[in-house]
Every structure is written in C-alpha cells, then in structure tokens.
Amino acid sequence: MLTGAVSALADPAITVAPATMHRTPNFHSRIVQHVPANAQIDLEGCTGGWCYASWRDLFGYIRAEALAGDAPPVAVAPPVVVAPTWGWGGPYVGFGWGYGWRRW
C-alpha cells in the first residue's frame, strides 16, 4: 500500500484491482476514467491515501490501495557545483579571485 510519499518525477505503477480515476482526491468528485486491473500508470505522487497519476493521457487521483508496491522514492536533485572562474573578458570588470570574478 502506498502512503504519504510525494514524488518529483513520474514513476511507473501497476493497479492490482480495477479503480476509478477521480478529478480531485475525493470519492464524490467527477470520475475521469475507469482503470482496469494490471494497468501500468504513471504515478506523480501520493498523499492522504490518494495518488495523482496518469493513464492513457488523462490525469486524476486513484486510491493508493488500488496500486501495487511500496511508496515511490522521492527524487533528489544532484548537487550544483560552483567553481571559481578566471580568464580574460566576461561580464565582470576588475581584479580579483573567487566566485564570479574574471581576471582582467
């Protein structure tokens, strides 16, 4: 059962039972489509027992109990490395070493 995870990227998931995809995470909201068992969907993230997903180019919310597997991993962005720069020219004029400076 999927619980409380939020994913930054779409992860594939499989439905274990027929499910209805709703417009909002609520049983009383409009039904977007019916998803059969063993359908592969693209899972965006889950919270509060509902998962935001897409299947056949339609997006909506599916109950987490209808999906197989554990919670999808939370994607972590790689670190951004900023190194000192030096050289001729550039948008900065002046002398100095360090982040963003160009040697003139």
C-alpha atoms as a PDB file:
ATOM      1  CA  MET A   1       0.000   0.000   0.000  1.00  0.00           C
ATOM      2  CA  LEU A   2       1.279   3.488  -0.868  1.00  0.00           C
ATOM      3  CA  THR A   3       1.182   6.069   1.885  1.00  0.00           C
ATOM      4  CA  GLY A   4       2.285   9.653   2.314  1.00  0.00           C
ATOM      5  CA  ALA A   5       5.041   9.954  -0.283  1.00  0.00           C
ATOM      6  CA  VAL A   6       5.450  12.743  -2.785  1.00  0.00           C
ATOM      7  CA  SER A   7       7.498  12.203  -5.912  1.00  0.00           C
ATOM      8  CA  ALA A   8       9.046  14.837  -8.122  1.00  0.00           C
ATOM      9  CA  LEU A   9       9.145  12.571 -11.144  1.00  0.00           C
ATOM     10  CA  ALA A  10       6.612  10.189 -12.665  1.00  0.00           C
ATOM     11  CA  ASP A  11       7.163   6.582 -11.608  1.00  0.00           C
ATOM     12  CA  PRO A  12       5.505   3.576 -13.212  1.00  0.00           C
ATOM     13  CA  ALA A  13       2.988   1.723 -11.053  1.00  0.00           C
ATOM     14  CA  ILE A  14       0.611  -1.200 -11.588  1.00  0.00           C
ATOM     15  CA  THR A  15      -3.003  -1.368 -10.484  1.00  0.00           C
ATOM     16  CA  VAL A  16      -3.872  -4.530  -8.519  1.00  0.00           C
ATOM     17  CA  ALA A  17      -7.619  -4.057  -8.869  1.00  0.00           C
ATOM     18  CA  PRO A  18      -9.961  -2.102 -11.123  1.00  0.00           C
ATOM     19  CA  ALA A  19     -10.022   1.518  -9.990  1.00  0.00           C
ATOM     20  CA  THR A  20     -11.733   4.769 -10.814  1.00  0.00           C
ATOM     21  CA  MET A  21      -9.665   7.867 -11.506  1.00  0.00           C
ATOM     22  CA  HIS A  22     -11.252  10.970  -9.989  1.00  0.00           C
ATOM     23  CA  ARG A  23     -10.851  14.665 -10.801  1.00  0.00           C
ATOM     24  CA  THR A  24      -9.972  15.503  -7.162  1.00  0.00           C
ATOM     25  CA  PRO A  25      -8.893  13.257  -4.250  1.00  0.00           C
ATOM     26  CA  ASN A  26     -12.480  12.614  -3.174  1.00  0.00           C
ATOM     27  CA  PHE A  27     -14.930   9.776  -3.862  1.00  0.00           C
ATOM     28  CA  HIS A  28     -17.670  12.319  -4.628  1.00  0.00           C
ATOM     29  CA  SER A  29     -15.703  14.139  -7.347  1.00  0.00           C
ATOM     30  CA  ARG A  30     -16.220  13.611 -11.072  1.00  0.00           C
ATOM     31  CA  ILE A  31     -14.849  10.334 -12.472  1.00  0.00           C
ATOM     32  CA  VAL A  32     -12.204  10.908 -15.144  1.00  0.00           C
ATOM     33  CA  GLN A  33     -11.941   7.279 -16.286  1.00  0.00           C
ATOM     34  CA  HIS A  34     -12.036   3.658 -15.159  1.00  0.00           C
ATOM     35  CA  VAL A  35      -8.646   1.944 -14.934  1.00  0.00           C
ATOM     36  CA  PRO A  36      -8.574  -1.860 -15.208  1.00  0.00           C
ATOM     37  CA  ALA A  37      -6.514  -4.210 -13.025  1.00  0.00           C
ATOM     38  CA  ASN A  38      -2.889  -4.763 -14.123  1.00  0.00           C
ATOM     39  CA  ALA A  39      -2.751  -1.426 -15.957  1.00  0.00           C
ATOM     40  CA  GLN A  40       0.579   0.414 -15.909  1.00  0.00           C
ATOM     41  CA  ILE A  41       0.071   4.036 -14.880  1.00  0.00           C
ATOM     42  CA  ASP A  42       2.461   6.964 -14.443  1.00  0.00           C
ATOM     43  CA  LEU A  43       2.486   7.916 -10.779  1.00  0.00           C
ATOM     44  CA  GLU A  44       3.260  11.540  -9.915  1.00  0.00           C
ATOM     45  CA  GLY A  45       2.925  11.295  -6.130  1.00  0.00           C
ATOM     46  CA  CYS A  46       0.776  10.119  -3.230  1.00  0.00           C
ATOM     47  CA  THR A  47      -0.587  11.788  -0.130  1.00  0.00           C
ATOM     48  CA  GLY A  48      -3.516  11.157   2.190  1.00  0.00           C
ATOM     49  CA  GLY A  49      -4.355   7.761   0.658  1.00  0.00           C
ATOM     50  CA  TRP A  50      -4.736   9.183  -2.873  1.00  0.00           C
ATOM     51  CA  CYS A  51      -2.225   9.126  -5.715  1.00  0.00           C
ATOM     52  CA  TYR A  52      -2.061  11.627  -8.572  1.00  0.00           C
ATOM     53  CA  ALA A  53      -1.388   9.684 -11.761  1.00  0.00           C
ATOM     54  CA  SER A  54      -1.976   9.491 -15.489  1.00  0.00           C
ATOM     55  CA  TRP A  55      -3.178   6.671 -17.708  1.00  0.00           C
ATOM     56  CA  ARG A  56      -3.855   6.959 -21.441  1.00  0.00           C
ATOM     57  CA  ASP A  57      -3.118  10.703 -21.430  1.00  0.00           C
ATOM     58  CA  LEU A  58      -5.698  11.514 -18.727  1.00  0.00           C
ATOM     59  CA  PHE A  59      -4.703  12.734 -15.260  1.00  0.00           C
ATOM     60  CA  GLY A  60      -6.508  12.236 -11.974  1.00  0.00           C
ATOM     61  CA  TYR A  61      -6.486  10.720  -8.496  1.00  0.00           C
ATOM     62  CA  ILE A  62      -6.586   6.991  -7.713  1.00  0.00           C
ATOM     63  CA  ARG A  63      -6.895   5.380  -4.280  1.00  0.00           C
ATOM     64  CA  ALA A  64      -3.493   4.160  -3.074  1.00  0.00           C
ATOM     65  CA  GLU A  65      -4.958   0.741  -2.133  1.00  0.00           C
ATOM     66  CA  ALA A  66      -5.505   0.011  -5.842  1.00  0.00           C
ATOM     67  CA  LEU A  67      -1.760   0.212  -6.583  1.00  0.00           C
ATOM     68  CA  ALA A  68       0.928  -2.423  -6.101  1.00  0.00           C
ATOM     69  CA  GLY A  69       4.258  -1.909  -4.387  1.00  0.00           C
ATOM     70  CA  ASP A  70       5.781   0.366  -1.822  1.00  0.00           C
ATOM     71  CA  ALA A  71       5.883   4.130  -1.844  1.00  0.00           C
ATOM     72  CA  PRO A  72       7.789   5.595  -4.790  1.00  0.00           C
ATOM     73  CA  PRO A  73      11.200   7.034  -3.957  1.00  0.00           C
ATOM     74  CA  VAL A  74      11.491  10.774  -3.534  1.00  0.00           C
ATOM     75  CA  ALA A  75      13.770  12.118  -6.260  1.00  0.00           C
ATOM     76  CA  VAL A  76      16.754  14.119  -5.064  1.00  0.00           C
ATOM     77  CA  ALA A  77      18.353  16.614  -7.413  1.00  0.00           C
ATOM     78  CA  PRO A  78      22.107  16.273  -7.931  1.00  0.00           C
ATOM     79  CA  PRO A  79      24.252  18.905  -6.200  1.00  0.00           C
ATOM     80  CA  VAL A  80      25.201  22.030  -8.132  1.00  0.00           C
ATOM     81  CA  VAL A  81      28.952  22.654  -8.087  1.00  0.00           C
ATOM     82  CA  VAL A  82      30.074  26.262  -8.455  1.00  0.00           C
ATOM     83  CA  ALA A  83      33.800  26.654  -9.006  1.00  0.00           C
ATOM     84  CA  PRO A  84      35.902  29.828  -9.081  1.00  0.00           C
ATOM     85  CA  THR A  85      36.398  31.177 -12.599  1.00  0.00           C
ATOM     86  CA  TRP A  86      39.190  33.191 -14.106  1.00  0.00           C
ATOM     87  CA  GLY A  87      40.327  34.327 -17.506  1.00  0.00           C
ATOM     88  CA  TRP A  88      40.113  37.213 -19.943  1.00  0.00           C
ATOM     89  CA  GLY A  89      36.906  39.058 -20.639  1.00  0.00           C
ATOM     90  CA  GLY A  90      33.473  38.256 -19.345  1.00  0.00           C
ATOM     91  CA  PRO A  91      30.742  40.431 -17.923  1.00  0.00           C
ATOM     92  CA  TYR A  92      32.754  41.441 -14.839  1.00  0.00           C
ATOM     93  CA  VAL A  93      35.415  44.141 -14.957  1.00  0.00           C
ATOM     94  CA  GLY A  94      38.030  44.430 -12.254  1.00  0.00           C
ATOM     95  CA  PHE A  95      40.629  42.402 -10.422  1.00  0.00           C
ATOM     96  CA  GLY A  96      40.019  39.592  -8.015  1.00  0.00           C
ATOM     97  CA  TRP A  97      39.763  35.887  -7.456  1.00  0.00           C
ATOM     98  CA  GLY A  98      36.749  33.959  -6.313  1.00  0.00           C
ATOM     99  CA  TYR A  99      33.248  33.120  -7.342  1.00  0.00           C
ATOM    100  CA  GLY A 100      32.080  35.107 -10.329  1.00  0.00           C
ATOM    101  CA  TRP A 101      35.277  37.135 -10.829  1.00  0.00           C
ATOM    102  CA  ARG A 102      37.236  37.323 -14.062  1.00  0.00           C
ATOM    103  CA  ARG A 103      40.937  38.157 -14.149  1.00  0.00           C
ATOM    104  CA  TRP A 104      41.364  41.292 -16.226  1.00  0.00           C
END
